[in-house]
């Protein structure tokens, strides 16, 4: 299996709700091409969905250092922080993602975290 096939298979595994399988496919690619943005994002999603929140946070922070305008990475970082019960840290990322891109999931996440903080 070549690198592109491995990457595409990891995407399919993640789509089939098998983030650990996706990470197994991505591991050799991350060792060889760990600075690739698309690869980092896919790995971050797999880390998030497998509840490896520290690794997700690290990957997403790295993506945002390279491209602060990446609304999806910012949203996923906010969700990662929310799942880590770091609501105060999550809210600015979620708000910024919602301001950058009109996605209903982004706005819903902002409202949810605001309600949690107000409770």
PDB file of N, CA and C in Angstrom:
ATOM      1  N   UNK A   1       0.858  -1.176   0.000  1.00  0.00           N
ATOM      2  CA  UNK A   1       0.000   0.000   0.000  1.00  0.00           C
ATOM      3  C   UNK A   1       0.903   1.239   0.000  1.00  0.00           C
ATOM      4  N   UNK A   2       0.692   2.130  -0.969  1.00  0.00           N
ATOM      5  CA  UNK A   2       1.522   3.327  -1.011  1.00  0.00           C
ATOM      6  C   UNK A   2       0.987   4.382  -0.029  1.00  0.00           C
ATOM      7  N   UNK A   3       1.692   5.490   0.065  1.00  0.00           N
ATOM      8  CA  UNK A   3       1.349   6.514   1.061  1.00  0.00           C
ATOM      9  C   UNK A   3      -0.030   7.123   0.818  1.00  0.00           C
ATOM     10  N   UNK A   4      -0.366   7.381  -0.420  1.00  0.00           N
ATOM     11  CA  UNK A   4      -1.674   7.977  -0.725  1.00  0.00           C
ATOM     12  C   UNK A   4      -2.794   7.005  -0.376  1.00  0.00           C
ATOM     13  N   UNK A   5      -2.611   5.740  -0.718  1.00  0.00           N
ATOM     14  CA  UNK A   5      -3.619   4.727  -0.376  1.00  0.00           C
ATOM     15  C   UNK A   5      -3.772   4.602   1.142  1.00  0.00           C
ATOM     16  N   UNK A   6      -2.654   4.657   1.834  1.00  0.00           N
ATOM     17  CA  UNK A   6      -2.670   4.577   3.300  1.00  0.00           C
ATOM     18  C   UNK A   6      -3.433   5.763   3.891  1.00  0.00           C
ATOM     19  N   UNK A   7      -3.178   6.959   3.369  1.00  0.00           N
ATOM     20  CA  UNK A   7      -3.866   8.168   3.834  1.00  0.00           C
ATOM     21  C   UNK A   7      -5.370   8.061   3.570  1.00  0.00           C
ATOM     22  N   UNK A   8      -5.745   7.670   2.365  1.00  0.00           N
ATOM     23  CA  UNK A   8      -7.162   7.544   2.000  1.00  0.00           C
ATOM     24  C   UNK A   8      -7.855   6.465   2.841  1.00  0.00           C
ATOM     25  N   UNK A   9      -7.150   5.372   3.109  1.00  0.00           N
ATOM     26  CA  UNK A   9      -7.723   4.320   3.938  1.00  0.00           C
ATOM     27  C   UNK A   9      -7.931   4.835   5.364  1.00  0.00           C
ATOM     28  N   UNK A  10      -6.989   5.621   5.869  1.00  0.00           N
ATOM     29  CA  UNK A  10      -7.137   6.222   7.205  1.00  0.00           C
ATOM     30  C   UNK A  10      -8.354   7.141   7.234  1.00  0.00           C
ATOM     31  N   UNK A  11      -8.569   7.905   6.165  1.00  0.00           N
ATOM     32  CA  UNK A  11      -9.767   8.757   6.085  1.00  0.00           C
ATOM     33  C   UNK A  11     -11.040   7.911   6.148  1.00  0.00           C
ATOM     34  N   UNK A  12     -11.048   6.820   5.400  1.00  0.00           N
ATOM     35  CA  UNK A  12     -12.228   5.945   5.408  1.00  0.00           C
ATOM     36  C   UNK A  12     -12.454   5.334   6.791  1.00  0.00           C
ATOM     37  N   UNK A  13     -11.384   4.898   7.430  1.00  0.00           N
ATOM     38  CA  UNK A  13     -11.517   4.324   8.769  1.00  0.00           C
ATOM     39  C   UNK A  13     -12.093   5.347   9.744  1.00  0.00           C
ATOM     40  N   UNK A  14     -11.628   6.574   9.652  1.00  0.00           N
ATOM     41  CA  UNK A  14     -12.155   7.619  10.525  1.00  0.00           C
ATOM     42  C   UNK A  14     -13.633   7.847  10.228  1.00  0.00           C
ATOM     43  N   UNK A  15     -14.000   7.837   8.968  1.00  0.00           N
ATOM     44  CA  UNK A  15     -15.395   7.976   8.573  1.00  0.00           C
ATOM     45  C   UNK A  15     -16.254   6.826   9.065  1.00  0.00           C
ATOM     46  N   UNK A  16     -15.649   5.663   9.255  1.00  0.00           N
ATOM     47  CA  UNK A  16     -16.368   4.489   9.764  1.00  0.00           C
ATOM     48  C   UNK A  16     -16.275   4.398  11.291  1.00  0.00           C
ATOM     49  N   UNK A  17     -15.856   5.504  11.901  1.00  0.00           N
ATOM     50  CA  UNK A  17     -15.755   5.608  13.360  1.00  0.00           C
ATOM     51  C   UNK A  17     -14.740   4.628  13.953  1.00  0.00           C
ATOM     52  N   UNK A  18     -13.598   4.505  13.268  1.00  0.00           N
ATOM     53  CA  UNK A  18     -12.485   3.694  13.759  1.00  0.00           C
ATOM     54  C   UNK A  18     -11.234   4.575  13.837  1.00  0.00           C
ATOM     55  N   UNK A  19     -11.220   5.510  14.805  1.00  0.00           N
ATOM     56  CA  UNK A  19     -10.082   6.427  14.875  1.00  0.00           C
ATOM     57  C   UNK A  19      -8.771   5.729  15.230  1.00  0.00           C
ATOM     58  N   UNK A  20      -8.830   4.666  16.005  1.00  0.00           N
ATOM     59  CA  UNK A  20      -7.587   3.957  16.345  1.00  0.00           C
ATOM     60  C   UNK A  20      -7.019   3.253  15.124  1.00  0.00           C
ATOM     61  N   UNK A  21      -7.888   2.676  14.304  1.00  0.00           N
ATOM     62  CA  UNK A  21      -7.434   2.077  13.051  1.00  0.00           C
ATOM     63  C   UNK A  21      -6.827   3.129  12.132  1.00  0.00           C
ATOM     64  N   UNK A  22      -7.462   4.293  12.100  1.00  0.00           N
ATOM     65  CA  UNK A  22      -6.940   5.390  11.279  1.00  0.00           C
ATOM     66  C   UNK A  22      -5.546   5.795  11.759  1.00  0.00           C
ATOM     67  N   UNK A  23      -5.379   5.880  13.056  1.00  0.00           N
ATOM     68  CA  UNK A  23      -4.067   6.254  13.599  1.00  0.00           C
ATOM     69  C   UNK A  23      -3.012   5.199  13.287  1.00  0.00           C
ATOM     70  N   UNK A  24      -3.402   3.930  13.281  1.00  0.00           N
ATOM     71  CA  UNK A  24      -2.448   2.877  12.912  1.00  0.00           C
ATOM     72  C   UNK A  24      -1.988   3.056  11.469  1.00  0.00           C
ATOM     73  N   UNK A  25      -2.911   3.446  10.593  1.00  0.00           N
ATOM     74  CA  UNK A  25      -2.552   3.686   9.199  1.00  0.00           C
ATOM     75  C   UNK A  25      -1.679   4.931   9.059  1.00  0.00           C
ATOM     76  N   UNK A  26      -1.941   5.928   9.898  1.00  0.00           N
ATOM     77  CA  UNK A  26      -1.229   7.200   9.791  1.00  0.00           C
ATOM     78  C   UNK A  26       0.161   7.180  10.431  1.00  0.00           C
ATOM     79  N   UNK A  27       0.375   6.276  11.365  1.00  0.00           N
ATOM     80  CA  UNK A  27       1.630   6.288  12.128  1.00  0.00           C
ATOM     81  C   UNK A  27       2.878   6.341  11.252  1.00  0.00           C
ATOM     82  N   UNK A  28       3.027   5.463  10.249  1.00  0.00           N
ATOM     83  CA  UNK A  28       4.244   5.567   9.419  1.00  0.00           C
ATOM     84  C   UNK A  28       4.314   6.879   8.641  1.00  0.00           C
ATOM     85  N   UNK A  29       3.150   7.376   8.228  1.00  0.00           N
ATOM     86  CA  UNK A  29       3.141   8.636   7.488  1.00  0.00           C
ATOM     87  C   UNK A  29       3.542   9.797   8.388  1.00  0.00           C
ATOM     88  N   UNK A  30       3.081   9.772   9.625  1.00  0.00           N
ATOM     89  CA  UNK A  30       3.436  10.843  10.567  1.00  0.00           C
ATOM     90  C   UNK A  30       4.931  10.845  10.852  1.00  0.00           C
ATOM     91  N   UNK A  31       5.526   9.656  10.909  1.00  0.00           N
ATOM     92  CA  UNK A  31       6.976   9.577  11.140  1.00  0.00           C
ATOM     93  C   UNK A  31       7.756  10.170   9.976  1.00  0.00           C
ATOM     94  N   UNK A  32       7.263   9.940   8.778  1.00  0.00           N
ATOM     95  CA  UNK A  32       7.969  10.400   7.584  1.00  0.00           C
ATOM     96  C   UNK A  32       7.609  11.823   7.169  1.00  0.00           C
ATOM     97  N   UNK A  33       6.329  12.198   7.322  1.00  0.00           N
ATOM     98  CA  UNK A  33       5.832  13.487   6.823  1.00  0.00           C
ATOM     99  C   UNK A  33       5.045  14.233   7.897  1.00  0.00           C
ATOM    100  N   UNK A  34       5.524  14.221   9.116  1.00  0.00           N
ATOM    101  CA  UNK A  34       4.792  14.776  10.248  1.00  0.00           C
ATOM    102  C   UNK A  34       4.461  16.253  10.149  1.00  0.00           C
ATOM    103  N   UNK A  35       5.111  16.980   9.254  1.00  0.00           N
ATOM    104  CA  UNK A  35       4.844  18.414   9.128  1.00  0.00           C
ATOM    105  C   UNK A  35       3.802  18.723   8.051  1.00  0.00           C
ATOM    106  N   UNK A  36       3.251  17.691   7.412  1.00  0.00           N
ATOM    107  CA  UNK A  36       2.225  17.895   6.382  1.00  0.00           C
ATOM    108  C   UNK A  36       0.922  18.324   7.040  1.00  0.00           C
ATOM    109  N   UNK A  37       0.360  19.433   6.585  1.00  0.00           N
ATOM    110  CA  UNK A  37      -0.836  20.002   7.192  1.00  0.00           C
ATOM    111  C   UNK A  37      -2.039  19.075   7.127  1.00  0.00           C
ATOM    112  N   UNK A  38      -2.307  18.494   5.987  1.00  0.00           N
ATOM    113  CA  UNK A  38      -3.438  17.591   5.844  1.00  0.00           C
ATOM    114  C   UNK A  38      -3.310  16.357   6.716  1.00  0.00           C
ATOM    115  N   UNK A  39      -2.108  15.855   6.796  1.00  0.00           N
ATOM    116  CA  UNK A  39      -1.830  14.694   7.634  1.00  0.00           C
ATOM    117  C   UNK A  39      -2.008  15.038   9.111  1.00  0.00           C
ATOM    118  N   UNK A  40      -1.516  16.206   9.508  1.00  0.00           N
ATOM    119  CA  UNK A  40      -1.684  16.647  10.891  1.00  0.00           C
ATOM    120  C   UNK A  40      -3.155  16.812  11.250  1.00  0.00           C
ATOM    121  N   UNK A  41      -3.935  17.374  10.330  1.00  0.00           N
ATOM    122  CA  UNK A  41      -5.359  17.573  10.609  1.00  0.00           C
ATOM    123  C   UNK A  41      -6.078  16.231  10.748  1.00  0.00           C
ATOM    124  N   UNK A  42      -5.792  15.303   9.860  1.00  0.00           N
ATOM    125  CA  UNK A  42      -6.427  13.990   9.938  1.00  0.00           C
ATOM    126  C   UNK A  42      -6.043  13.287  11.237  1.00  0.00           C
ATOM    127  N   UNK A  43      -4.780  13.381  11.609  1.00  0.00           N
ATOM    128  CA  UNK A  43      -4.334  12.782  12.868  1.00  0.00           C
ATOM    129  C   UNK A  43      -5.016  13.463  14.052  1.00  0.00           C
ATOM    130  N   UNK A  44      -5.134  14.781  14.019  1.00  0.00           N
ATOM    131  CA  UNK A  44      -5.793  15.506  15.111  1.00  0.00           C
ATOM    132  C   UNK A  44      -7.237  15.060  15.257  1.00  0.00           C
ATOM    133  N   UNK A  45      -7.930  14.878  14.137  1.00  0.00           N
ATOM    134  CA  UNK A  45      -9.307  14.395  14.191  1.00  0.00           C
ATOM    135  C   UNK A  45      -9.371  12.999  14.792  1.00  0.00           C
ATOM    136  N   UNK A  46      -8.438  12.147  14.397  1.00  0.00           N
ATOM    137  CA  UNK A  46      -8.408  10.785  14.942  1.00  0.00           C
ATOM    138  C   UNK A  46      -8.086  10.805  16.431  1.00  0.00           C
ATOM    139  N   UNK A  47      -7.149  11.656  16.841  1.00  0.00           N
ATOM    140  CA  UNK A  47      -6.844  11.786  18.273  1.00  0.00           C
ATOM    141  C   UNK A  47      -8.085  12.247  19.030  1.00  0.00           C
ATOM    142  N   UNK A  48      -8.770  13.240  18.491  1.00  0.00           N
ATOM    143  CA  UNK A  48      -9.973  13.765  19.145  1.00  0.00           C
ATOM    144  C   UNK A  48     -11.024  12.666  19.290  1.00  0.00           C
ATOM    145  N   UNK A  49     -11.284  11.958  18.217  1.00  0.00           N
ATOM    146  CA  UNK A  49     -12.347  10.948  18.236  1.00  0.00           C
ATOM    147  C   UNK A  49     -11.966   9.696  19.018  1.00  0.00           C
ATOM    148  N   UNK A  50     -10.681   9.521  19.314  1.00  0.00           N
ATOM    149  CA  UNK A  50     -10.264   8.394  20.154  1.00  0.00           C
ATOM    150  C   UNK A  50      -9.987   8.857  21.583  1.00  0.00           C
ATOM    151  N   UNK A  51     -10.398  10.082  21.899  1.00  0.00           N
ATOM    152  CA  UNK A  51     -10.255  10.672  23.242  1.00  0.00           C
ATOM    153  C   UNK A  51      -8.807  10.806  23.687  1.00  0.00           C
ATOM    154  N   UNK A  52      -7.900  10.947  22.727  1.00  0.00           N
ATOM    155  CA  UNK A  52      -6.514  11.272  23.043  1.00  0.00           C
ATOM    156  C   UNK A  52      -6.395  12.793  22.968  1.00  0.00           C
ATOM    157  N   UNK A  53      -7.011  13.433  23.946  1.00  0.00           N
ATOM    158  CA  UNK A  53      -7.214  14.882  23.878  1.00  0.00           C
ATOM    159  C   UNK A  53      -5.912  15.670  23.985  1.00  0.00           C
ATOM    160  N   UNK A  54      -4.953  15.180  24.741  1.00  0.00           N
ATOM    161  CA  UNK A  54      -3.662  15.859  24.820  1.00  0.00           C
ATOM    162  C   UNK A  54      -2.958  15.882  23.471  1.00  0.00           C
ATOM    163  N   UNK A  55      -2.974  14.748  22.789  1.00  0.00           N
ATOM    164  CA  UNK A  55      -2.361  14.685  21.457  1.00  0.00           C
ATOM    165  C   UNK A  55      -3.133  15.537  20.453  1.00  0.00           C
ATOM    166  N   UNK A  56      -4.461  15.513  20.552  1.00  0.00           N
ATOM    167  CA  UNK A  56      -5.270  16.348  19.655  1.00  0.00           C
ATOM    168  C   UNK A  56      -4.923  17.811  19.875  1.00  0.00           C
ATOM    169  N   UNK A  57      -4.850  18.204  21.133  1.00  0.00           N
ATOM    170  CA  UNK A  57      -4.542  19.601  21.454  1.00  0.00           C
ATOM    171  C   UNK A  57      -3.181  19.999  20.896  1.00  0.00           C
ATOM    172  N   UNK A  58      -2.206  19.127  21.050  1.00  0.00           N
ATOM    173  CA  UNK A  58      -0.858  19.416  20.553  1.00  0.00           C
ATOM    174  C   UNK A  58      -0.854  19.561  19.025  1.00  0.00           C
ATOM    175  N   UNK A  59      -1.517  18.645  18.323  1.00  0.00           N
ATOM    176  CA  UNK A  59      -1.548  18.697  16.862  1.00  0.00           C
ATOM    177  C   UNK A  59      -2.283  19.942  16.374  1.00  0.00           C
ATOM    178  N   UNK A  60      -3.397  20.256  17.017  1.00  0.00           N
ATOM    179  CA  UNK A  60      -4.182  21.428  16.597  1.00  0.00           C
ATOM    180  C   UNK A  60      -3.463  22.731  16.906  1.00  0.00           C
ATOM    181  N   UNK A  61      -2.789  22.800  18.034  1.00  0.00           N
ATOM    182  CA  UNK A  61      -2.005  23.995  18.365  1.00  0.00           C
ATOM    183  C   UNK A  61      -0.918  24.205  17.329  1.00  0.00           C
ATOM    184  N   UNK A  62      -0.275  23.118  16.924  1.00  0.00           N
ATOM    185  CA  UNK A  62       0.761  23.208  15.894  1.00  0.00           C
ATOM    186  C   UNK A  62       0.174  23.708  14.573  1.00  0.00           C
ATOM    187  N   UNK A  63      -0.995  23.193  14.193  1.00  0.00           N
ATOM    188  CA  UNK A  63      -1.646  23.663  12.959  1.00  0.00           C
ATOM    189  C   UNK A  63      -1.956  25.151  13.037  1.00  0.00           C
ATOM    190  N   UNK A  64      -2.440  25.607  14.181  1.00  0.00           N
ATOM    191  CA  UNK A  64      -2.809  27.026  14.324  1.00  0.00           C
ATOM    192  C   UNK A  64      -1.599  27.940  14.398  1.00  0.00           C
ATOM    193  N   UNK A  65      -0.488  27.430  14.884  1.00  0.00           N
ATOM    194  CA  UNK A  65       0.741  28.238  14.872  1.00  0.00           C
ATOM    195  C   UNK A  65       1.161  28.508  13.436  1.00  0.00           C
ATOM    196  N   UNK A  66       0.956  27.534  12.566  1.00  0.00           N
ATOM    197  CA  UNK A  66       1.318  27.681  11.155  1.00  0.00           C
ATOM    198  C   UNK A  66       0.284  28.481  10.376  1.00  0.00           C
ATOM    199  N   UNK A  67      -0.998  28.350  10.764  1.00  0.00           N
ATOM    200  CA  UNK A  67      -2.063  29.045  10.044  1.00  0.00           C
ATOM    201  C   UNK A  67      -3.175  29.432  11.016  1.00  0.00           C
ATOM    202  N   UNK A  68      -3.054  30.611  11.642  1.00  0.00           N
ATOM    203  CA  UNK A  68      -4.067  31.050  12.611  1.00  0.00           C
ATOM    204  C   UNK A  68      -5.455  31.242  12.002  1.00  0.00           C
ATOM    205  N   UNK A  69      -5.564  31.302  10.682  1.00  0.00           N
ATOM    206  CA  UNK A  69      -6.859  31.517  10.038  1.00  0.00           C
ATOM    207  C   UNK A  69      -7.598  30.206   9.736  1.00  0.00           C
ATOM    208  N   UNK A  70      -7.075  29.087  10.171  1.00  0.00           N
ATOM    209  CA  UNK A  70      -7.706  27.788   9.937  1.00  0.00           C
ATOM    210  C   UNK A  70      -8.882  27.623  10.899  1.00  0.00           C
ATOM    211  N   UNK A  71     -10.078  27.955  10.409  1.00  0.00           N
ATOM    212  CA  UNK A  71     -11.256  27.955  11.277  1.00  0.00           C
ATOM    213  C   UNK A  71     -11.593  26.562  11.791  1.00  0.00           C
ATOM    214  N   UNK A  72     -11.393  25.524  10.973  1.00  0.00           N
ATOM    215  CA  UNK A  72     -11.728  24.180  11.425  1.00  0.00           C
ATOM    216  C   UNK A  72     -10.785  23.717  12.535  1.00  0.00           C
ATOM    217  N   UNK A  73      -9.489  23.972  12.396  1.00  0.00           N
ATOM    218  CA  UNK A  73      -8.539  23.603  13.448  1.00  0.00           C
ATOM    219  C   UNK A  73      -8.865  24.355  14.736  1.00  0.00           C
ATOM    220  N   UNK A  74      -9.256  25.605  14.597  1.00  0.00           N
ATOM    221  CA  UNK A  74      -9.617  26.402  15.775  1.00  0.00           C
ATOM    222  C   UNK A  74     -10.874  25.827  16.438  1.00  0.00           C
ATOM    223  N   UNK A  75     -11.871  25.454  15.619  1.00  0.00           N
ATOM    224  CA  UNK A  75     -13.089  24.844  16.149  1.00  0.00           C
ATOM    225  C   UNK A  75     -12.766  23.533  16.877  1.00  0.00           C
ATOM    226  N   UNK A  76     -11.981  22.680  16.231  1.00  0.00           N
ATOM    227  CA  UNK A  76     -11.669  21.391  16.836  1.00  0.00           C
ATOM    228  C   UNK A  76     -10.822  21.556  18.098  1.00  0.00           C
ATOM    229  N   UNK A  77      -9.962  22.560  18.122  1.00  0.00           N
ATOM    230  CA  UNK A  77      -9.216  22.841  19.350  1.00  0.00           C
ATOM    231  C   UNK A  77     -10.182  23.260  20.458  1.00  0.00           C
ATOM    232  N   UNK A  78     -11.144  24.111  20.122  1.00  0.00           N
ATOM    233  CA  UNK A  78     -12.146  24.511  21.102  1.00  0.00           C
ATOM    234  C   UNK A  78     -12.932  23.323  21.628  1.00  0.00           C
ATOM    235  N   UNK A  79     -13.325  22.427  20.739  1.00  0.00           N
ATOM    236  CA  UNK A  79     -14.060  21.223  21.153  1.00  0.00           C
ATOM    237  C   UNK A  79     -13.178  20.314  22.017  1.00  0.00           C
ATOM    238  N   UNK A  80     -11.901  20.225  21.660  1.00  0.00           N
ATOM    239  CA  UNK A  80     -10.965  19.414  22.440  1.00  0.00           C
ATOM    240  C   UNK A  80     -10.836  19.975  23.846  1.00  0.00           C
ATOM    241  N   UNK A  81     -10.702  21.279  23.945  1.00  0.00           N
ATOM    242  CA  UNK A  81     -10.602  21.918  25.261  1.00  0.00           C
ATOM    243  C   UNK A  81     -11.905  21.749  26.039  1.00  0.00           C
ATOM    244  N   UNK A  82     -13.026  21.838  25.347  1.00  0.00           N
ATOM    245  CA  UNK A  82     -14.321  21.627  26.001  1.00  0.00           C
ATOM    246  C   UNK A  82     -14.398  20.205  26.565  1.00  0.00           C
ATOM    247  N   UNK A  83     -14.022  19.222  25.774  1.00  0.00           N
ATOM    248  CA  UNK A  83     -14.059  17.827  26.242  1.00  0.00           C
ATOM    249  C   UNK A  83     -13.084  17.600  27.387  1.00  0.00           C
ATOM    250  N   UNK A  84     -12.063  18.431  27.465  1.00  0.00           N
ATOM    251  CA  UNK A  84     -11.087  18.347  28.554  1.00  0.00           C
ATOM    252  C   UNK A  84     -11.533  19.146  29.772  1.00  0.00           C
ATOM    253  N   UNK A  85     -12.754  19.669  29.727  1.00  0.00           N
ATOM    254  CA  UNK A  85     -13.338  20.496  30.800  1.00  0.00           C
ATOM    255  C   UNK A  85     -12.575  21.796  31.014  1.00  0.00           C
ATOM    256  N   UNK A  86     -11.962  22.304  29.972  1.00  0.00           N
ATOM    257  CA  UNK A  86     -11.257  23.587  30.007  1.00  0.00           C
ATOM    258  C   UNK A  86     -12.122  24.608  29.273  1.00  0.00           C
ATOM    259  N   UNK A  87     -13.295  24.860  29.840  1.00  0.00           N
ATOM    260  CA  UNK A  87     -14.305  25.671  29.159  1.00  0.00           C
ATOM    261  C   UNK A  87     -13.857  27.104  28.922  1.00  0.00           C
ATOM    262  N   UNK A  88     -13.189  27.710  29.901  1.00  0.00           N
ATOM    263  CA  UNK A  88     -12.734  29.088  29.750  1.00  0.00           C
ATOM    264  C   UNK A  88     -11.723  29.209  28.618  1.00  0.00           C
ATOM    265  N   UNK A  89     -10.883  28.180  28.453  1.00  0.00           N
ATOM    266  CA  UNK A  89      -9.913  28.182  27.355  1.00  0.00           C
ATOM    267  C   UNK A  89     -10.583  27.865  26.020  1.00  0.00           C
ATOM    268  N   UNK A  90     -11.633  27.050  26.059  1.00  0.00           N
ATOM    269  CA  UNK A  90     -12.305  26.632  24.834  1.00  0.00           C
ATOM    270  C   UNK A  90     -13.084  27.766  24.188  1.00  0.00           C
ATOM    271  N   UNK A  91     -13.752  28.573  24.999  1.00  0.00           N
ATOM    272  CA  UNK A  91     -14.694  29.561  24.472  1.00  0.00           C
ATOM    273  C   UNK A  91     -14.082  30.535  23.465  1.00  0.00           C
ATOM    274  N   UNK A  92     -12.918  31.127  23.708  1.00  0.00           N
ATOM    275  CA  UNK A  92     -12.375  32.052  22.695  1.00  0.00           C
ATOM    276  C   UNK A  92     -12.112  31.382  21.346  1.00  0.00           C
ATOM    277  N   UNK A  93     -11.663  30.132  21.370  1.00  0.00           N
ATOM    278  CA  UNK A  93     -11.413  29.423  20.110  1.00  0.00           C
ATOM    279  C   UNK A  93     -12.723  29.152  19.371  1.00  0.00           C
ATOM    280  N   UNK A  94     -13.731  28.747  20.120  1.00  0.00           N
ATOM    281  CA  UNK A  94     -15.029  28.481  19.499  1.00  0.00           C
ATOM    282  C   UNK A  94     -15.645  29.759  18.942  1.00  0.00           C
ATOM    283  N   UNK A  95     -15.554  30.843  19.707  1.00  0.00           N
ATOM    284  CA  UNK A  95     -16.089  32.127  19.222  1.00  0.00           C
ATOM    285  C   UNK A  95     -15.378  32.586  17.961  1.00  0.00           C
ATOM    286  N   UNK A  96     -14.060  32.449  17.955  1.00  0.00           N
ATOM    287  CA  UNK A  96     -13.301  32.886  16.783  1.00  0.00           C
ATOM    288  C   UNK A  96     -13.652  32.034  15.570  1.00  0.00           C
ATOM    289  N   UNK A  97     -13.776  30.722  15.752  1.00  0.00           N
ATOM    290  CA  UNK A  97     -14.151  29.846  14.638  1.00  0.00           C
ATOM    291  C   UNK A  97     -15.520  30.242  14.100  1.00  0.00           C
ATOM    292  N   UNK A  98     -16.465  30.523  15.007  1.00  0.00           N
ATOM    293  CA  UNK A  98     -17.816  30.923  14.594  1.00  0.00           C
ATOM    294  C   UNK A  98     -17.795  32.254  13.849  1.00  0.00           C
ATOM    295  N   UNK A  99     -16.925  33.165  14.257  1.00  0.00           N
ATOM    296  CA  UNK A  99     -16.816  34.456  13.581  1.00  0.00           C
ATOM    297  C   UNK A  99     -16.162  34.315  12.206  1.00  0.00           C
ATOM    298  N   UNK A 100     -15.275  33.341  12.070  1.00  0.00           N
ATOM    299  CA  UNK A 100     -14.543  33.149  10.822  1.00  0.00           C
ATOM    300  C   UNK A 100     -15.349  32.392   9.772  1.00  0.00           C
ATOM    301  N   UNK A 101     -16.285  31.545  10.245  1.00  0.00           N
ATOM    302  CA  UNK A 101     -16.997  30.676   9.306  1.00  0.00           C
ATOM    303  C   UNK A 101     -18.403  30.420   9.839  1.00  0.00           C
ATOM    304  N   UNK A 102     -19.394  30.664   9.011  1.00  0.00           N
ATOM    305  CA  UNK A 102     -20.794  30.542   9.432  1.00  0.00           C
ATOM    306  C   UNK A 102     -21.254  29.087   9.364  1.00  0.00           C
ATOM    307  N   UNK A 103     -20.799  28.299  10.316  1.00  0.00           N
ATOM    308  CA  UNK A 103     -21.193  26.893  10.397  1.00  0.00           C
ATOM    309  C   UNK A 103     -22.100  26.737  11.618  1.00  0.00           C
ATOM    310  N   UNK A 104     -23.273  26.157  11.460  1.00  0.00           N
ATOM    311  CA  UNK A 104     -24.189  26.016  12.596  1.00  0.00           C
ATOM    312  C   UNK A 104     -23.576  25.246  13.769  1.00  0.00           C
ATOM    313  N   UNK A 105     -22.715  24.271  13.489  1.00  0.00           N
ATOM    314  CA  UNK A 105     -22.059  23.527  14.573  1.00  0.00           C
ATOM    315  C   UNK A 105     -21.167  24.438  15.404  1.00  0.00           C
ATOM    316  N   UNK A 106     -20.529  25.401  14.747  1.00  0.00           N
ATOM    317  CA  UNK A 106     -19.654  26.325  15.456  1.00  0.00           C
ATOM    318  C   UNK A 106     -20.481  27.173  16.423  1.00  0.00           C
ATOM    319  N   UNK A 107     -21.577  27.747  15.905  1.00  0.00           N
ATOM    320  CA  UNK A 107     -22.437  28.594  16.740  1.00  0.00           C
ATOM    321  C   UNK A 107     -23.062  27.795  17.875  1.00  0.00           C
ATOM    322  N   UNK A 108     -23.462  26.582  17.591  1.00  0.00           N
ATOM    323  CA  UNK A 108     -24.050  25.715  18.620  1.00  0.00           C
ATOM    324  C   UNK A 108     -23.039  25.428  19.737  1.00  0.00           C
ATOM    325  N   UNK A 109     -21.798  25.205  19.370  1.00  0.00           N
ATOM    326  CA  UNK A 109     -20.754  24.935  20.367  1.00  0.00           C
ATOM    327  C   UNK A 109     -20.507  26.154  21.245  1.00  0.00           C
ATOM    328  N   UNK A 110     -20.520  27.329  20.647  1.00  0.00           N
ATOM    329  CA  UNK A 110     -20.350  28.560  21.427  1.00  0.00           C
ATOM    330  C   UNK A 110     -21.466  28.654  22.468  1.00  0.00           C
ATOM    331  N   UNK A 111     -22.700  28.487  22.032  1.00  0.00           N
ATOM    332  CA  UNK A 111     -23.835  28.573  22.943  1.00  0.00           C
ATOM    333  C   UNK A 111     -23.764  27.535  24.060  1.00  0.00           C
ATOM    334  N   UNK A 112     -23.383  26.320  23.716  1.00  0.00           N
ATOM    335  CA  UNK A 112     -23.291  25.252  24.710  1.00  0.00           C
ATOM    336  C   UNK A 112     -22.255  25.587  25.789  1.00  0.00           C
ATOM    337  N   UNK A 113     -21.086  26.045  25.363  1.00  0.00           N
ATOM    338  CA  UNK A 113     -20.028  26.366  26.333  1.00  0.00           C
ATOM    339  C   UNK A 113     -20.423  27.585  27.155  1.00  0.00           C
ATOM    340  N   UNK A 114     -21.046  28.569  26.533  1.00  0.00           N
ATOM    341  CA  UNK A 114     -21.505  29.735  27.294  1.00  0.00           C
ATOM    342  C   UNK A 114     -22.512  29.313  28.351  1.00  0.00           C
ATOM    343  N   UNK A 115     -23.433  28.424  28.003  1.00  0.00           N
ATOM    344  CA  UNK A 115     -24.419  27.948  28.993  1.00  0.00           C
ATOM    345  C   UNK A 115     -23.755  27.188  30.131  1.00  0.00           C
ATOM    346  N   UNK A 116     -22.775  26.370  29.800  1.00  0.00           N
ATOM    347  CA  UNK A 116     -22.054  25.617  30.830  1.00  0.00           C
ATOM    348  C   UNK A 116     -21.321  26.560  31.780  1.00  0.00           C
ATOM    349  N   UNK A 117     -20.716  27.599  31.229  1.00  0.00           N
ATOM    350  CA  UNK A 117     -19.972  28.555  32.050  1.00  0.00           C
ATOM    351  C   UNK A 117     -20.914  29.384  32.927  1.00  0.00           C
ATOM    352  N   UNK A 118     -22.122  29.644  32.432  1.00  0.00           N
ATOM    353  CA  UNK A 118     -23.080  30.454  33.178  1.00  0.00           C
ATOM    354  C   UNK A 118     -23.746  29.657  34.305  1.00  0.00           C
ATOM    355  N   UNK A 119     -23.722  28.343  34.184  1.00  0.00           N
ATOM    356  CA  UNK A 119     -24.408  27.478  35.183  1.00  0.00           C
ATOM    357  C   UNK A 119     -23.670  27.427  36.510  1.00  0.00           C
TER     358      UNK A 119
END
